[in-house]
PDB file of N, CA and C in Angstrom:
ATOM      1  N   UNK A   1     155.067  19.943 -60.455  1.00  0.00           N
ATOM      2  CA  UNK A   1     153.667  19.662 -60.229  1.00  0.00           C
ATOM      3  C   UNK A   1     152.976  19.525 -61.586  1.00  0.00           C
ATOM      4  N   UNK A   2     152.159  18.499 -61.736  1.00  0.00           N
ATOM      5  CA  UNK A   2     151.486  18.229 -63.010  1.00  0.00           C
ATOM      6  C   UNK A   2     150.383  19.257 -63.257  1.00  0.00           C
ATOM      7  N   UNK A   3     150.237  19.612 -64.507  1.00  0.00           N
ATOM      8  CA  UNK A   3     149.200  20.562 -64.913  1.00  0.00           C
ATOM      9  C   UNK A   3     147.845  19.870 -64.869  1.00  0.00           C
ATOM     10  N   UNK A   4     146.834  20.555 -64.351  1.00  0.00           N
ATOM     11  CA  UNK A   4     145.494  19.988 -64.253  1.00  0.00           C
ATOM     12  C   UNK A   4     144.835  20.000 -65.634  1.00  0.00           C
ATOM     13  N   UNK A   5     144.216  18.888 -66.000  1.00  0.00           N
ATOM     14  CA  UNK A   5     143.521  18.794 -67.281  1.00  0.00           C
ATOM     15  C   UNK A   5     142.162  19.465 -67.157  1.00  0.00           C
ATOM     16  N   UNK A   6     141.864  20.339 -68.095  1.00  0.00           N
ATOM     17  CA  UNK A   6     140.576  21.024 -68.083  1.00  0.00           C
ATOM     18  C   UNK A   6     139.611  20.311 -69.018  1.00  0.00           C
ATOM     19  N   UNK A   7     138.340  20.645 -68.902  1.00  0.00           N
ATOM     20  CA  UNK A   7     137.343  20.092 -69.808  1.00  0.00           C
ATOM     21  C   UNK A   7     137.681  20.467 -71.249  1.00  0.00           C
ATOM     22  N   UNK A   8     138.126  21.697 -71.461  1.00  0.00           N
ATOM     23  CA  UNK A   8     138.504  22.128 -72.815  1.00  0.00           C
ATOM     24  C   UNK A   8     139.630  21.260 -73.366  1.00  0.00           C
ATOM     25  N   UNK A   9     140.596  20.926 -72.518  1.00  0.00           N
ATOM     26  CA  UNK A   9     141.692  20.037 -72.937  1.00  0.00           C
ATOM     27  C   UNK A   9     141.145  18.667 -73.338  1.00  0.00           C
ATOM     28  N   UNK A  10     140.263  18.129 -72.509  1.00  0.00           N
ATOM     29  CA  UNK A  10     139.700  16.811 -72.783  1.00  0.00           C
ATOM     30  C   UNK A  10     138.873  16.817 -74.067  1.00  0.00           C
ATOM     31  N   UNK A  11     138.121  17.874 -74.294  1.00  0.00           N
ATOM     32  CA  UNK A  11     137.319  17.959 -75.512  1.00  0.00           C
ATOM     33  C   UNK A  11     138.195  18.078 -76.755  1.00  0.00           C
ATOM     34  N   UNK A  12     139.279  18.848 -76.654  1.00  0.00           N
ATOM     35  CA  UNK A  12     140.226  18.954 -77.778  1.00  0.00           C
ATOM     36  C   UNK A  12     140.838  17.597 -78.105  1.00  0.00           C
ATOM     37  N   UNK A  13     141.224  16.865 -77.056  1.00  0.00           N
ATOM     38  CA  UNK A  13     141.820  15.552 -77.259  1.00  0.00           C
ATOM     39  C   UNK A  13     140.806  14.585 -77.879  1.00  0.00           C
ATOM     40  N   UNK A  14     139.573  14.622 -77.408  1.00  0.00           N
ATOM     41  CA  UNK A  14     138.519  13.766 -77.960  1.00  0.00           C
ATOM     42  C   UNK A  14     138.278  14.089 -79.427  1.00  0.00           C
ATOM     43  N   UNK A  15     138.187  15.368 -79.751  1.00  0.00           N
ATOM     44  CA  UNK A  15     137.982  15.788 -81.145  1.00  0.00           C
ATOM     45  C   UNK A  15     139.125  15.284 -82.023  1.00  0.00           C
ATOM     46  N   UNK A  16     140.351  15.456 -81.571  1.00  0.00           N
ATOM     47  CA  UNK A  16     141.518  15.002 -82.332  1.00  0.00           C
ATOM     48  C   UNK A  16     141.478  13.497 -82.543  1.00  0.00           C
ATOM     49  N   UNK A  17     141.165  12.764 -81.478  1.00  0.00           N
ATOM     50  CA  UNK A  17     141.127  11.306 -81.565  1.00  0.00           C
ATOM     51  C   UNK A  17     140.023  10.836 -82.510  1.00  0.00           C
ATOM     52  N   UNK A  18     138.825  11.402 -82.392  1.00  0.00           N
ATOM     53  CA  UNK A  18     137.708  10.984 -83.238  1.00  0.00           C
ATOM     54  C   UNK A  18     137.911  11.377 -84.693  1.00  0.00           C
ATOM     55  N   UNK A  19     138.420  12.583 -84.926  1.00  0.00           N
ATOM     56  CA  UNK A  19     138.658  13.012 -86.306  1.00  0.00           C
ATOM     57  C   UNK A  19     139.775  12.189 -86.942  1.00  0.00           C
ATOM     58  N   UNK A  20     140.731  11.725 -86.139  1.00  0.00           N
ATOM     59  CA  UNK A  20     141.819  10.927 -86.664  1.00  0.00           C
ATOM     60  C   UNK A  20     141.373   9.574 -87.190  1.00  0.00           C
ATOM     61  N   UNK A  21     140.186   9.145 -86.787  1.00  0.00           N
ATOM     62  CA  UNK A  21     139.648   7.861 -87.240  1.00  0.00           C
ATOM     63  C   UNK A  21     138.803   7.995 -88.503  1.00  0.00           C
ATOM     64  N   UNK A  22     138.651   9.216 -88.994  1.00  0.00           N
ATOM     65  CA  UNK A  22     137.797   9.456 -90.157  1.00  0.00           C
ATOM     66  C   UNK A  22     138.629   9.867 -91.368  1.00  0.00           C
ATOM     67  N   UNK A  23     138.056   9.633 -92.527  1.00  0.00           N
ATOM     68  CA  UNK A  23     138.702  10.073 -93.765  1.00  0.00           C
ATOM     69  C   UNK A  23     138.717  11.603 -93.788  1.00  0.00           C
ATOM     70  N   UNK A  24     139.761  12.201 -94.351  1.00  0.00           N
ATOM     71  CA  UNK A  24     139.838  13.666 -94.398  1.00  0.00           C
ATOM     72  C   UNK A  24     138.597  14.309 -95.028  1.00  0.00           C
ATOM     73  N   UNK A  25     138.012  13.656 -96.029  1.00  0.00           N
ATOM     74  CA  UNK A  25     136.813  14.218 -96.673  1.00  0.00           C
ATOM     75  C   UNK A  25     135.651  14.292 -95.688  1.00  0.00           C
ATOM     76  N   UNK A  26     135.534  13.294 -94.818  1.00  0.00           N
ATOM     77  CA  UNK A  26     134.470  13.301 -93.815  1.00  0.00           C
ATOM     78  C   UNK A  26     134.679  14.428 -92.813  1.00  0.00           C
ATOM     79  N   UNK A  27     135.910  14.618 -92.398  1.00  0.00           N
ATOM     80  CA  UNK A  27     136.216  15.673 -91.432  1.00  0.00           C
ATOM     81  C   UNK A  27     135.886  17.038 -92.036  1.00  0.00           C
ATOM     82  N   UNK A  28     136.226  17.222 -93.302  1.00  0.00           N
ATOM     83  CA  UNK A  28     135.909  18.484 -93.984  1.00  0.00           C
ATOM     84  C   UNK A  28     134.400  18.703 -93.991  1.00  0.00           C
ATOM     85  N   UNK A  29     133.627  17.670 -94.321  1.00  0.00           N
ATOM     86  CA  UNK A  29     132.163  17.788 -94.335  1.00  0.00           C
ATOM     87  C   UNK A  29     131.609  18.103 -92.944  1.00  0.00           C
ATOM     88  N   UNK A  30     132.149  17.452 -91.922  1.00  0.00           N
ATOM     89  CA  UNK A  30     131.698  17.706 -90.557  1.00  0.00           C
ATOM     90  C   UNK A  30     131.962  19.158 -90.167  1.00  0.00           C
ATOM     91  N   UNK A  31     133.156  19.644 -90.467  1.00  0.00           N
ATOM     92  CA  UNK A  31     133.492  21.032 -90.119  1.00  0.00           C
ATOM     93  C   UNK A  31     132.614  22.013 -90.902  1.00  0.00           C
ATOM     94  N   UNK A  32     132.363  21.695 -92.164  1.00  0.00           N
ATOM     95  CA  UNK A  32     131.511  22.562 -92.976  1.00  0.00           C
ATOM     96  C   UNK A  32     130.099  22.625 -92.387  1.00  0.00           C
ATOM     97  N   UNK A  33     129.558  21.472 -91.967  1.00  0.00           N
ATOM     98  CA  UNK A  33     128.222  21.441 -91.378  1.00  0.00           C
ATOM     99  C   UNK A  33     128.168  22.276 -90.098  1.00  0.00           C
ATOM    100  N   UNK A  34     129.192  22.163 -89.266  1.00  0.00           N
ATOM    101  CA  UNK A  34     129.236  22.953 -88.031  1.00  0.00           C
ATOM    102  C   UNK A  34     129.345  24.441 -88.351  1.00  0.00           C
ATOM    103  N   UNK A  35     130.174  24.792 -89.312  1.00  0.00           N
ATOM    104  CA  UNK A  35     130.313  26.197 -89.714  1.00  0.00           C
ATOM    105  C   UNK A  35     128.985  26.761 -90.223  1.00  0.00           C
ATOM    106  N   UNK A  36     128.243  25.949 -90.993  1.00  0.00           N
ATOM    107  CA  UNK A  36     126.947  26.398 -91.506  1.00  0.00           C
ATOM    108  C   UNK A  36     125.947  26.617 -90.373  1.00  0.00           C
ATOM    109  N   UNK A  37     125.955  25.728 -89.387  1.00  0.00           N
ATOM    110  CA  UNK A  37     125.066  25.901 -88.234  1.00  0.00           C
ATOM    111  C   UNK A  37     125.419  27.168 -87.466  1.00  0.00           C
ATOM    112  N   UNK A  38     126.716  27.402 -87.292  1.00  0.00           N
ATOM    113  CA  UNK A  38     127.134  28.620 -86.591  1.00  0.00           C
ATOM    114  C   UNK A  38     126.743  29.871 -87.373  1.00  0.00           C
ATOM    115  N   UNK A  39     126.955  29.852 -88.693  1.00  0.00           N
ATOM    116  CA  UNK A  39     126.621  31.010 -89.527  1.00  0.00           C
ATOM    117  C   UNK A  39     125.121  31.282 -89.507  1.00  0.00           C
ATOM    118  N   UNK A  40     124.321  30.226 -89.429  1.00  0.00           N
ATOM    119  CA  UNK A  40     122.865  30.376 -89.395  1.00  0.00           C
ATOM    120  C   UNK A  40     122.364  30.735 -87.998  1.00  0.00           C
ATOM    121  N   UNK A  41     123.289  30.819 -87.030  1.00  0.00           N
ATOM    122  CA  UNK A  41     122.946  31.125 -85.642  1.00  0.00           C
ATOM    123  C   UNK A  41     121.900  30.155 -85.094  1.00  0.00           C
ATOM    124  N   UNK A  42     122.083  28.871 -85.417  1.00  0.00           N
ATOM    125  CA  UNK A  42     121.149  27.833 -84.984  1.00  0.00           C
ATOM    126  C   UNK A  42     121.030  27.775 -83.459  1.00  0.00           C
ATOM    127  N   UNK A  43     122.116  28.008 -82.758  1.00  0.00           N
ATOM    128  CA  UNK A  43     122.075  27.947 -81.293  1.00  0.00           C
ATOM    129  C   UNK A  43     121.145  29.005 -80.712  1.00  0.00           C
ATOM    130  N   UNK A  44     121.010  30.138 -81.402  1.00  0.00           N
ATOM    131  CA  UNK A  44     120.121  31.197 -80.914  1.00  0.00           C
ATOM    132  C   UNK A  44     118.657  30.773 -80.944  1.00  0.00           C
ATOM    133  N   UNK A  45     118.333  29.798 -81.803  1.00  0.00           N
ATOM    134  CA  UNK A  45     116.951  29.337 -81.934  1.00  0.00           C
ATOM    135  C   UNK A  45     116.668  28.092 -81.092  1.00  0.00           C
ATOM    136  N   UNK A  46     117.703  27.576 -80.433  1.00  0.00           N
ATOM    137  CA  UNK A  46     117.543  26.370 -79.617  1.00  0.00           C
ATOM    138  C   UNK A  46     116.765  26.688 -78.348  1.00  0.00           C
ATOM    139  N   UNK A  47     116.098  25.676 -77.827  1.00  0.00           N
ATOM    140  CA  UNK A  47     115.381  25.857 -76.571  1.00  0.00           C
ATOM    141  C   UNK A  47     116.368  26.181 -75.457  1.00  0.00           C
ATOM    142  N   UNK A  48     115.944  27.014 -74.553  1.00  0.00           N
ATOM    143  CA  UNK A  48     116.759  27.389 -73.401  1.00  0.00           C
ATOM    144  C   UNK A  48     116.192  26.712 -72.155  1.00  0.00           C
ATOM    145  N   UNK A  49     116.955  26.714 -71.083  1.00  0.00           N
ATOM    146  CA  UNK A  49     116.492  26.144 -69.823  1.00  0.00           C
ATOM    147  C   UNK A  49     115.161  26.791 -69.454  1.00  0.00           C
ATOM    148  N   UNK A  50     114.182  25.957 -69.162  1.00  0.00           N
ATOM    149  CA  UNK A  50     112.863  26.448 -68.765  1.00  0.00           C
ATOM    150  C   UNK A  50     111.891  26.598 -69.919  1.00  0.00           C
ATOM    151  N   UNK A  51     112.367  26.575 -71.168  1.00  0.00           N
ATOM    152  CA  UNK A  51     111.471  26.654 -72.322  1.00  0.00           C
ATOM    153  C   UNK A  51     110.655  25.378 -72.418  1.00  0.00           C
ATOM    154  N   UNK A  52     109.462  25.508 -72.942  1.00  0.00           N
ATOM    155  CA  UNK A  52     108.615  24.351 -73.189  1.00  0.00           C
ATOM    156  C   UNK A  52     108.818  23.917 -74.633  1.00  0.00           C
ATOM    157  N   UNK A  53     109.119  22.665 -74.811  1.00  0.00           N
ATOM    158  CA  UNK A  53     109.322  22.128 -76.155  1.00  0.00           C
ATOM    159  C   UNK A  53     107.979  22.012 -76.869  1.00  0.00           C
ATOM    160  N   UNK A  54     107.965  22.189 -78.184  1.00  0.00           N
ATOM    161  CA  UNK A  54     106.714  21.992 -78.921  1.00  0.00           C
ATOM    162  C   UNK A  54     106.322  20.515 -78.904  1.00  0.00           C
ATOM    163  N   UNK A  55     105.030  20.247 -79.058  1.00  0.00           N
ATOM    164  CA  UNK A  55     104.582  18.860 -79.153  1.00  0.00           C
ATOM    165  C   UNK A  55     105.139  18.252 -80.438  1.00  0.00           C
ATOM    166  N   UNK A  56     105.394  16.952 -80.385  1.00  0.00           N
ATOM    167  CA  UNK A  56     105.938  16.269 -81.560  1.00  0.00           C
ATOM    168  C   UNK A  56     105.511  14.809 -81.541  1.00  0.00           C
ATOM    169  N   UNK A  57     105.600  14.191 -82.701  1.00  0.00           N
ATOM    170  CA  UNK A  57     105.399  12.753 -82.844  1.00  0.00           C
ATOM    171  C   UNK A  57     106.593  12.208 -83.615  1.00  0.00           C
ATOM    172  N   UNK A  58     107.219  11.175 -83.058  1.00  0.00           N
ATOM    173  CA  UNK A  58     108.391  10.557 -83.667  1.00  0.00           C
ATOM    174  C   UNK A  58     108.275   9.044 -83.556  1.00  0.00           C
ATOM    175  N   UNK A  59     109.018   8.318 -84.384  1.00  0.00           N
ATOM    176  CA  UNK A  59     108.989   6.863 -84.242  1.00  0.00           C
ATOM    177  C   UNK A  59     109.754   6.427 -82.996  1.00  0.00           C
ATOM    178  N   UNK A  60     109.210   5.396 -82.326  1.00  0.00           N
ATOM    179  CA  UNK A  60     109.897   4.853 -81.164  1.00  0.00           C
ATOM    180  C   UNK A  60     110.888   3.783 -81.613  1.00  0.00           C
ATOM    181  N   UNK A  61     111.443   3.038 -80.675  1.00  0.00           N
ATOM    182  CA  UNK A  61     112.451   2.022 -81.003  1.00  0.00           C
ATOM    183  C   UNK A  61     111.912   0.932 -81.914  1.00  0.00           C
ATOM    184  N   UNK A  62     110.584   0.730 -81.906  1.00  0.00           N
ATOM    185  CA  UNK A  62     109.955  -0.267 -82.785  1.00  0.00           C
ATOM    186  C   UNK A  62     109.429   0.360 -84.073  1.00  0.00           C
ATOM    187  N   UNK A  63     109.827   1.616 -84.330  1.00  0.00           N
ATOM    188  CA  UNK A  63     109.414   2.359 -85.534  1.00  0.00           C
ATOM    189  C   UNK A  63     107.932   2.724 -85.544  1.00  0.00           C
ATOM    190  N   UNK A  64     107.281   2.674 -84.382  1.00  0.00           N
ATOM    191  CA  UNK A  64     105.876   3.090 -84.294  1.00  0.00           C
ATOM    192  C   UNK A  64     105.816   4.527 -83.810  1.00  0.00           C
ATOM    193  N   UNK A  65     104.951   5.342 -84.424  1.00  0.00           N
ATOM    194  CA  UNK A  65     104.860   6.749 -83.989  1.00  0.00           C
ATOM    195  C   UNK A  65     104.329   6.849 -82.561  1.00  0.00           C
ATOM    196  N   UNK A  66     104.932   7.758 -81.827  1.00  0.00           N
ATOM    197  CA  UNK A  66     104.470   8.040 -80.471  1.00  0.00           C
ATOM    198  C   UNK A  66     104.578   9.538 -80.245  1.00  0.00           C
ATOM    199  N   UNK A  67     103.584  10.089 -79.597  1.00  0.00           N
ATOM    200  CA  UNK A  67     103.556  11.550 -79.429  1.00  0.00           C
ATOM    201  C   UNK A  67     104.071  11.948 -78.049  1.00  0.00           C
ATOM    202  N   UNK A  68     104.636  13.122 -78.013  1.00  0.00           N
ATOM    203  CA  UNK A  68     105.111  13.655 -76.736  1.00  0.00           C
ATOM    204  C   UNK A  68     103.931  13.854 -75.786  1.00  0.00           C
ATOM    205  N   UNK A  69     102.785  14.203 -76.323  1.00  0.00           N
ATOM    206  CA  UNK A  69     101.595  14.410 -75.486  1.00  0.00           C
ATOM    207  C   UNK A  69     101.235  13.109 -74.756  1.00  0.00           C
ATOM    208  N   UNK A  70     101.258  11.972 -75.493  1.00  0.00           N
ATOM    209  CA  UNK A  70     100.945  10.683 -74.866  1.00  0.00           C
ATOM    210  C   UNK A  70     101.971  10.325 -73.798  1.00  0.00           C
ATOM    211  N   UNK A  71     103.235  10.581 -74.086  1.00  0.00           N
ATOM    212  CA  UNK A  71     104.280  10.270 -73.113  1.00  0.00           C
ATOM    213  C   UNK A  71     104.168  11.145 -71.876  1.00  0.00           C
ATOM    214  N   UNK A  72     103.886  12.423 -72.070  1.00  0.00           N
ATOM    215  CA  UNK A  72     103.762  13.342 -70.928  1.00  0.00           C
ATOM    216  C   UNK A  72     102.563  12.990 -70.053  1.00  0.00           C
ATOM    217  N   UNK A  73     101.553  12.373 -70.642  1.00  0.00           N
ATOM    218  CA  UNK A  73     100.385  11.968 -69.860  1.00  0.00           C
ATOM    219  C   UNK A  73     100.764  10.897 -68.834  1.00  0.00           C
ATOM    220  N   UNK A  74     101.861  10.187 -69.089  1.00  0.00           N
ATOM    221  CA  UNK A  74     102.337   9.141 -68.171  1.00  0.00           C
ATOM    222  C   UNK A  74     103.317   9.674 -67.132  1.00  0.00           C
ATOM    223  N   UNK A  75     103.844  10.878 -67.329  1.00  0.00           N
ATOM    224  CA  UNK A  75     104.799  11.437 -66.378  1.00  0.00           C
ATOM    225  C   UNK A  75     105.830  12.286 -67.084  1.00  0.00           C
ATOM    226  N   UNK A  76     106.887  12.698 -66.364  1.00  0.00           N
ATOM    227  CA  UNK A  76     107.927  13.547 -66.958  1.00  0.00           C
ATOM    228  C   UNK A  76     108.559  12.872 -68.179  1.00  0.00           C
ATOM    229  N   UNK A  77     109.004  13.696 -69.100  1.00  0.00           N
ATOM    230  CA  UNK A  77     109.564  13.211 -70.355  1.00  0.00           C
ATOM    231  C   UNK A  77     110.979  13.734 -70.534  1.00  0.00           C
ATOM    232  N   UNK A  78     111.893  12.843 -70.841  1.00  0.00           N
ATOM    233  CA  UNK A  78     113.267  13.211 -71.165  1.00  0.00           C
ATOM    234  C   UNK A  78     113.487  12.837 -72.621  1.00  0.00           C
ATOM    235  N   UNK A  79     113.972  13.780 -73.416  1.00  0.00           N
ATOM    236  CA  UNK A  79     114.225  13.544 -74.838  1.00  0.00           C
ATOM    237  C   UNK A  79     115.719  13.622 -75.081  1.00  0.00           C
ATOM    238  N   UNK A  80     116.256  12.607 -75.733  1.00  0.00           N
ATOM    239  CA  UNK A  80     117.683  12.567 -76.049  1.00  0.00           C
ATOM    240  C   UNK A  80     117.830  12.520 -77.562  1.00  0.00           C
ATOM    241  N   UNK A  81     118.721  13.345 -78.087  1.00  0.00           N
ATOM    242  CA  UNK A  81     118.975  13.371 -79.529  1.00  0.00           C
ATOM    243  C   UNK A  81     120.341  12.775 -79.797  1.00  0.00           C
ATOM    244  N   UNK A  82     120.400  11.946 -80.794  1.00  0.00           N
ATOM    245  CA  UNK A  82     121.669  11.374 -81.223  1.00  0.00           C
ATOM    246  C   UNK A  82     122.039  11.984 -82.565  1.00  0.00           C
ATOM    247  N   UNK A  83     123.285  12.321 -82.703  1.00  0.00           N
ATOM    248  CA  UNK A  83     123.782  12.962 -83.909  1.00  0.00           C
ATOM    249  C   UNK A  83     123.556  12.106 -85.139  1.00  0.00           C
ATOM    250  N   UNK A  84     123.607  10.803 -84.987  1.00  0.00           N
ATOM    251  CA  UNK A  84     123.474   9.918 -86.140  1.00  0.00           C
ATOM    252  C   UNK A  84     124.820   9.735 -86.811  1.00  0.00           C
ATOM    253  N   UNK A  85     124.787   9.319 -88.034  1.00  0.00           N
ATOM    254  CA  UNK A  85     126.026   9.051 -88.758  1.00  0.00           C
ATOM    255  C   UNK A  85     126.339  10.199 -89.697  1.00  0.00           C
ATOM    256  N   UNK A  86     127.599  10.495 -89.851  1.00  0.00           N
ATOM    257  CA  UNK A  86     128.020  11.497 -90.816  1.00  0.00           C
ATOM    258  C   UNK A  86     128.098  10.798 -92.132  1.00  0.00           C
TER     259      UNK A  86
END
Protein backbone atom coordinates (compact mmCIF):
# COMPACT_ATOMS: atom_id res chain seq x y z
CA UNK A 1 0.00 0.00 0.00
CA UNK A 2 1.39 3.41 -0.98
CA UNK A 3 2.29 5.86 1.75
CA UNK A 4 0.01 8.91 1.92
CA UNK A 5 1.74 12.21 1.13
CA UNK A 6 1.36 14.76 3.90
CA UNK A 7 1.39 18.53 3.62
CA UNK A 8 4.77 18.51 5.38
CA UNK A 9 6.09 16.14 2.70
CA UNK A 10 4.78 18.38 -0.07
CA UNK A 11 6.27 21.50 1.52
CA UNK A 12 9.67 19.80 1.92
CA UNK A 13 9.60 18.76 -1.73
CA UNK A 14 8.61 22.28 -2.83
CA UNK A 15 11.40 23.83 -0.75
CA UNK A 16 13.95 21.41 -2.22
CA UNK A 17 12.76 22.05 -5.76
CA UNK A 18 12.71 25.86 -5.41
CA UNK A 19 16.05 26.05 -3.61
CA UNK A 20 17.58 23.81 -6.28
CA UNK A 21 16.86 26.51 -8.86
CA UNK A 22 18.79 29.16 -6.94
CA UNK A 23 22.47 29.89 -6.52
CA UNK A 24 23.86 28.55 -3.22
CA UNK A 25 24.60 32.13 -2.09
CA UNK A 26 20.94 33.05 -2.52
CA UNK A 27 19.79 30.03 -0.53
CA UNK A 28 22.19 30.96 2.28
CA UNK A 29 20.79 34.52 2.33
CA UNK A 30 17.20 33.24 2.35
CA UNK A 31 17.90 30.89 5.26
CA UNK A 32 19.72 33.64 7.14
CA UNK A 33 16.74 36.00 6.69
CA UNK A 34 14.33 33.34 7.98
CA UNK A 35 16.60 32.59 10.95
CA UNK A 36 16.74 36.31 11.81
CA UNK A 37 12.94 36.57 11.69
CA UNK A 38 12.63 33.54 13.96
CA UNK A 39 15.24 34.89 16.39
CA UNK A 40 13.41 38.23 16.51
CA UNK A 41 10.16 36.34 17.24
CA UNK A 42 8.48 38.19 14.37
CA UNK A 43 5.61 35.70 14.30
CA UNK A 44 4.70 36.67 17.87
CA UNK A 45 4.04 40.23 16.67
CA UNK A 46 1.97 39.19 13.65
CA UNK A 47 -1.75 39.80 13.58
CA UNK A 48 -3.83 36.90 14.82
CA UNK A 49 -7.26 35.73 13.66
CA UNK A 50 -9.78 38.38 14.67
CA UNK A 51 -7.20 41.17 15.14
CA UNK A 52 -7.89 44.46 13.44
CA UNK A 53 -5.13 45.57 11.12
CA UNK A 54 -3.83 49.12 11.49
CA UNK A 55 -4.84 51.64 8.84
CA UNK A 56 -2.33 51.99 6.03
CA UNK A 57 -1.74 53.65 2.69
CA UNK A 58 0.12 51.79 -0.06
CA UNK A 59 0.56 52.17 -3.80
CA UNK A 60 -1.97 50.34 -5.94
CA UNK A 61 -1.24 48.53 -9.22
CA UNK A 62 -0.96 51.92 -10.98
CA UNK A 63 1.49 53.17 -8.30
CA UNK A 64 -1.11 55.58 -6.89
CA UNK A 65 -1.50 55.69 -3.10
CA UNK A 66 -4.70 54.22 -1.75
CA UNK A 67 -5.71 53.94 1.87
CA UNK A 68 -7.24 51.00 3.64
CA UNK A 69 -9.84 53.38 5.07
CA UNK A 70 -11.02 54.32 1.55
CA UNK A 71 -11.15 50.68 0.49
CA UNK A 72 -13.05 49.62 3.61
CA UNK A 73 -15.62 52.33 2.93
CA UNK A 74 -16.52 50.36 -0.23
CA UNK A 75 -16.82 46.99 1.54
CA UNK A 76 -14.74 44.14 3.00
CA UNK A 77 -11.01 44.30 2.34
CA UNK A 78 -8.65 41.42 1.61
CA UNK A 79 -4.92 42.18 1.74
CA UNK A 80 -2.40 39.87 0.10
CA UNK A 81 1.35 40.17 0.63
CA UNK A 82 3.87 38.92 -1.87
CA UNK A 83 7.34 38.00 -0.73
CA UNK A 84 8.92 39.81 -3.66
CA UNK A 85 12.31 38.91 -5.02
CA UNK A 86 15.25 37.66 -3.01
